[in-house]
Amino acid sequence: MTASILTGRAKVPNLSADMEVGSDKWKEVILSGAGTFDIQIDSRKMDRFVAHSLELIRWNKKTNLTAICKPFEIAVKHVLDSIIPSLMIPRDTKTLLDIGSGAGFPGIPLKILIPSLSVTLIDASRKKVSFLKHVIRSLKLEKIDAVHIRAEEMAEMAGFENKFDLIISRALTSLESFVNMALPLLSENGMIVALKGNVKDPEIRAARVLLKNHAISINIRQYKLPLLQDNRTIVSVG
């Protein structure tokens, strides 16, 4: 197990309670936060971040997709929190599975940021999958699909064993449980990535016990969420 810290400094925009998704202030939050980690976002990608976020707000009024629905929080806790892990994705990654995608985080922002990825989003909630399919159509995203299924069920279906180069999830369950459900779906030399707040040693130890018969290492990277300074941990297995 190795640990490292991602660092950076963001210029804090003049924040306002009346900030709207898609406004210059909102875009500056994302651009400044991404710039902290040398992540480049062009206008087309930004437009898609805006479109996804606007649809999230609209749908969230009638369907419980997320408790994080204020514009500033969407920019930082959804968009930035989803794209910072792109720094961990190997360049030769072709297929990505987002388990428990919910409202599309981190899978959709990662797809927007890295268009070459072939992405599969899965969730146990039919309503959330309906939203994901709607966003995929609205944003005209290609090589991405949303499926109403659990990871355990997918692992038992033909064609999905060892299929995905990278399997990712954000605060889905314990690290041990996530790794256990992801392993059957992971390709040879693939990587499992868990996005978390703080991770305690017992959780890491439990995952190490699970992996004791596999030639797989666990790496931990910690950073502060831009502008909010919330603790974040990226645990990569592979």
Protein backbone atom coordinates (compact mmCIF):
# COMPACT_ATOMS: atom_id res chain seq x y z
CA MET A 1 0.00 0.00 0.00
CA THR A 2 1.35 3.41 -0.94
CA ALA A 3 -0.02 6.83 -0.12
CA SER A 4 0.46 10.15 -1.83
CA ILE A 5 -1.16 13.55 -1.77
CA LEU A 6 -2.51 15.43 -4.77
CA THR A 7 -1.92 19.13 -4.29
CA GLY A 8 -2.78 22.39 -5.96
CA ARG A 9 -3.95 25.92 -5.39
CA ALA A 10 -7.15 27.34 -6.77
CA LYS A 11 -7.98 31.00 -7.21
CA VAL A 12 -11.25 31.37 -5.33
CA PRO A 13 -13.95 33.08 -7.43
CA ASN A 14 -16.26 35.69 -5.93
CA LEU A 15 -18.97 33.29 -4.79
CA SER A 16 -22.60 34.32 -4.59
CA ALA A 17 -25.74 32.73 -3.19
CA ASP A 18 -27.58 33.57 -6.42
CA MET A 19 -25.03 31.81 -8.65
CA GLU A 20 -26.77 29.93 -11.46
CA VAL A 21 -25.67 26.84 -13.33
CA GLY A 22 -24.07 27.94 -16.59
CA SER A 23 -23.29 31.47 -15.43
CA ASP A 24 -19.77 32.86 -15.79
CA LYS A 25 -19.27 32.51 -12.02
CA TRP A 26 -20.37 28.88 -12.10
CA LYS A 27 -18.05 28.08 -14.99
CA GLU A 28 -15.19 29.85 -13.23
CA VAL A 29 -15.67 27.61 -10.19
CA ILE A 30 -15.14 24.56 -12.39
CA LEU A 31 -12.31 26.06 -14.43
CA SER A 32 -10.39 27.28 -11.38
CA GLY A 33 -10.86 24.01 -9.53
CA ALA A 34 -9.86 21.92 -12.54
CA GLY A 35 -6.89 24.20 -13.13
CA THR A 36 -5.68 23.34 -9.65
CA PHE A 37 -4.93 19.87 -11.00
CA ASP A 38 -3.92 20.92 -14.53
CA ILE A 39 -7.15 19.51 -15.98
CA GLN A 40 -8.06 21.30 -19.20
CA ILE A 41 -11.71 21.94 -20.10
CA ASP A 42 -12.70 23.37 -23.48
CA SER A 43 -15.97 25.14 -24.26
CA ARG A 44 -17.68 22.04 -25.68
CA LYS A 45 -16.95 20.03 -22.55
CA MET A 46 -18.08 22.91 -20.34
CA ASP A 47 -21.35 23.17 -22.28
CA ARG A 48 -21.99 19.51 -21.57
CA PHE A 49 -21.22 19.92 -17.86
CA VAL A 50 -23.77 22.74 -17.87
CA ALA A 51 -26.38 20.68 -19.72
CA HIS A 52 -25.99 17.71 -17.37
CA SER A 53 -26.26 19.95 -14.32
CA LEU A 54 -29.33 21.78 -15.61
CA GLU A 55 -31.11 18.50 -16.29
CA LEU A 56 -30.13 17.33 -12.80
CA ILE A 57 -31.79 20.38 -11.22
CA ARG A 58 -34.90 20.02 -13.38
CA TRP A 59 -35.38 16.31 -12.72
CA ASN A 60 -34.49 16.58 -9.05
CA LYS A 61 -37.64 18.64 -8.47
CA LYS A 62 -39.78 15.58 -9.17
CA THR A 63 -37.36 12.67 -8.66
CA ASN A 64 -35.00 12.28 -5.72
CA LEU A 65 -31.68 12.01 -7.54
CA THR A 66 -29.36 13.79 -5.12
CA ALA A 67 -29.32 15.94 -2.00
CA ILE A 68 -26.59 18.06 -3.61
CA CYS A 69 -28.59 20.38 -5.83
CA LYS A 70 -27.39 23.95 -5.24
CA PRO A 71 -25.42 25.34 -8.21
CA PHE A 72 -22.14 25.91 -6.35
CA GLU A 73 -22.31 22.49 -4.72
CA ILE A 74 -23.06 20.83 -8.05
CA ALA A 75 -19.99 22.47 -9.56
CA VAL A 76 -17.65 21.39 -6.76
CA LYS A 77 -19.14 18.29 -5.14
CA HIS A 78 -20.42 16.72 -8.35
CA VAL A 79 -18.48 17.94 -11.39
CA LEU A 80 -15.04 18.61 -9.89
CA ASP A 81 -15.28 15.65 -7.54
CA SER A 82 -15.93 13.46 -10.60
CA ILE A 83 -13.20 14.71 -12.93
CA ILE A 84 -10.25 14.96 -10.54
CA PRO A 85 -9.92 11.13 -10.51
CA SER A 86 -9.24 11.32 -14.26
CA LEU A 87 -5.62 11.88 -13.21
CA MET A 88 -5.57 8.24 -12.05
CA ILE A 89 -6.92 6.74 -15.28
CA PRO A 90 -4.24 4.98 -17.38
CA ARG A 91 -3.99 6.25 -20.94
CA ASP A 92 -4.72 2.83 -22.43
CA THR A 93 -8.07 2.54 -20.61
CA LYS A 94 -10.84 1.77 -23.11
CA THR A 95 -13.82 0.58 -21.04
CA LEU A 96 -15.16 2.09 -17.82
CA LEU A 97 -17.91 0.84 -15.51
CA ASP A 98 -19.52 3.22 -13.00
CA ILE A 99 -21.25 1.15 -10.30
CA GLY A 100 -24.10 2.89 -8.49
CA SER A 101 -23.89 5.86 -10.84
CA GLY A 102 -26.93 7.62 -9.37
CA ALA A 103 -27.29 10.94 -11.17
CA GLY A 104 -24.31 10.12 -13.39
CA PHE A 105 -21.38 10.90 -11.11
CA PRO A 106 -18.56 10.27 -11.74
CA GLY A 107 -19.31 8.42 -15.01
CA ILE A 108 -20.85 11.16 -17.15
CA PRO A 109 -18.32 13.92 -16.31
CA LEU A 110 -15.49 11.44 -16.96
CA LYS A 111 -17.05 10.54 -20.32
CA ILE A 112 -17.35 14.24 -21.17
CA LEU A 113 -13.74 14.85 -20.17
CA ILE A 114 -12.37 11.74 -21.96
CA PRO A 115 -14.65 11.16 -24.99
CA SER A 116 -12.71 8.09 -26.17
CA LEU A 117 -13.87 6.05 -23.17
CA SER A 118 -16.57 3.45 -23.66
CA VAL A 119 -18.68 3.91 -20.53
CA THR A 120 -21.34 1.78 -18.84
CA LEU A 121 -23.37 3.29 -16.00
CA ILE A 122 -25.32 0.94 -13.74
CA ASP A 123 -27.72 1.61 -10.90
CA ALA A 124 -30.32 -0.36 -8.96
CA SER A 125 -32.83 2.51 -9.18
CA ARG A 126 -34.99 2.46 -12.31
CA LYS A 127 -35.81 6.17 -11.94
CA LYS A 128 -32.14 7.10 -11.82
CA VAL A 129 -31.37 4.97 -14.88
CA SER A 130 -34.21 6.73 -16.73
CA PHE A 131 -32.53 10.04 -15.90
CA LEU A 132 -29.16 8.75 -17.07
CA LYS A 133 -30.61 7.60 -20.39
CA HIS A 134 -32.27 11.00 -20.81
CA VAL A 135 -28.99 12.84 -20.20
CA ILE A 136 -27.13 10.58 -22.63
CA ARG A 137 -29.70 11.38 -25.33
CA SER A 138 -29.84 15.10 -24.52
CA LEU A 139 -26.06 15.52 -24.59
CA LYS A 140 -25.75 13.31 -27.69
CA LEU A 141 -23.06 11.23 -25.99
CA GLU A 142 -21.75 8.21 -27.87
CA LYS A 143 -20.26 4.95 -26.60
CA ILE A 144 -22.08 5.22 -23.28
CA ASP A 145 -25.05 3.31 -21.89
CA ALA A 146 -27.08 3.18 -18.68
CA VAL A 147 -28.36 -0.15 -17.38
CA HIS A 148 -30.81 -0.96 -14.60
CA ILE A 149 -28.90 -3.75 -12.89
CA ARG A 150 -26.82 -4.54 -9.82
CA ALA A 151 -23.12 -5.34 -10.16
CA GLU A 152 -23.68 -8.78 -8.64
CA GLU A 153 -26.28 -9.56 -11.31
CA MET A 154 -24.08 -8.24 -14.10
CA ALA A 155 -21.22 -10.50 -13.00
CA GLU A 156 -23.46 -13.53 -13.57
CA MET A 157 -24.44 -12.52 -17.11
CA ALA A 158 -22.63 -13.75 -20.21
CA GLY A 159 -20.31 -11.22 -21.82
CA PHE A 160 -19.48 -9.16 -18.75
CA GLU A 161 -16.86 -11.28 -17.02
CA ASN A 162 -13.48 -9.49 -17.06
CA LYS A 163 -14.92 -6.87 -19.42
CA PHE A 164 -13.96 -3.50 -17.93
CA ASP A 165 -10.53 -1.87 -17.81
CA LEU A 166 -11.57 0.52 -15.05
CA ILE A 167 -14.36 0.12 -12.50
CA ILE A 168 -15.19 3.17 -10.44
CA SER A 169 -17.69 4.18 -7.78
CA ARG A 170 -18.22 7.11 -5.48
CA ALA A 171 -18.99 6.40 -1.80
CA LEU A 172 -21.05 3.34 -2.75
CA THR A 173 -20.25 0.96 0.10
CA SER A 174 -17.27 -0.29 2.09
CA LEU A 175 -14.04 -0.69 0.15
CA GLU A 176 -14.07 -4.44 0.76
CA SER A 177 -17.62 -4.85 -0.58
CA PHE A 178 -16.93 -2.67 -3.62
CA VAL A 179 -13.76 -4.55 -4.54
CA ASN A 180 -15.54 -7.87 -4.05
CA MET A 181 -18.36 -6.95 -6.45
CA ALA A 182 -15.97 -5.39 -8.98
CA LEU A 183 -13.33 -8.14 -9.26
CA PRO A 184 -15.37 -10.53 -11.46
CA LEU A 185 -16.02 -7.70 -13.93
CA LEU A 186 -12.44 -6.39 -14.05
CA SER A 187 -10.26 -7.05 -17.09
CA GLU A 188 -6.76 -8.45 -16.79
CA ASN A 189 -4.44 -5.66 -15.61
CA GLY A 190 -7.50 -3.49 -14.98
CA MET A 191 -8.00 -1.03 -12.10
CA ILE A 192 -10.67 -0.54 -9.46
CA VAL A 193 -11.09 3.03 -8.18
CA ALA A 194 -13.09 3.97 -5.07
CA LEU A 195 -13.82 7.65 -4.44
CA LYS A 196 -14.29 8.40 -0.76
CA GLY A 197 -14.05 11.06 1.91
CA ASN A 198 -11.87 9.75 4.71
CA VAL A 199 -10.81 6.09 4.71
CA LYS A 200 -9.89 4.46 8.01
CA ASP A 201 -7.19 1.81 8.41
CA PRO A 202 -9.61 -1.06 9.25
CA GLU A 203 -11.35 -0.56 5.90
CA ILE A 204 -8.02 -0.78 4.07
CA ARG A 205 -6.97 -3.85 6.04
CA ALA A 206 -10.22 -5.64 5.21
CA ALA A 207 -9.64 -5.00 1.50
CA ARG A 208 -6.06 -6.25 1.78
CA VAL A 209 -7.30 -9.51 3.31
CA LEU A 210 -9.74 -9.92 0.44
CA LEU A 211 -6.91 -9.40 -2.07
CA LYS A 212 -4.30 -11.57 -0.34
CA ASN A 213 -4.52 -14.23 -3.07
CA HIS A 214 -4.35 -11.68 -5.89
CA ALA A 215 -1.24 -9.98 -7.23
CA ILE A 216 -2.91 -6.60 -6.77
CA SER A 217 -1.71 -3.54 -4.86
CA ILE A 218 -3.71 -0.85 -3.09
CA ASN A 219 -2.73 2.79 -3.58
CA ILE A 220 -4.16 5.74 -1.66
CA ARG A 221 -4.15 9.34 -2.84
CA GLN A 222 -5.54 12.13 -0.71
CA TYR A 223 -6.45 15.68 -1.63
CA LYS A 224 -8.63 18.62 -0.66
CA LEU A 225 -11.71 19.30 -2.74
CA PRO A 226 -11.05 22.66 -4.45
CA LEU A 227 -12.64 25.75 -2.88
CA LEU A 228 -14.32 23.78 -0.07
CA GLN A 229 -11.19 22.03 1.26
CA ASP A 230 -13.19 18.90 2.10
CA ASN A 231 -11.06 15.79 2.51
CA ARG A 232 -11.14 13.36 -0.40
CA THR A 233 -9.46 9.98 -0.87
CA ILE A 234 -8.94 8.04 -4.09
CA VAL A 235 -8.27 4.36 -3.46
CA SER A 236 -6.99 2.52 -6.54
CA VAL A 237 -6.72 -1.26 -6.64
CA GLY A 238 -4.79 -2.85 -9.46
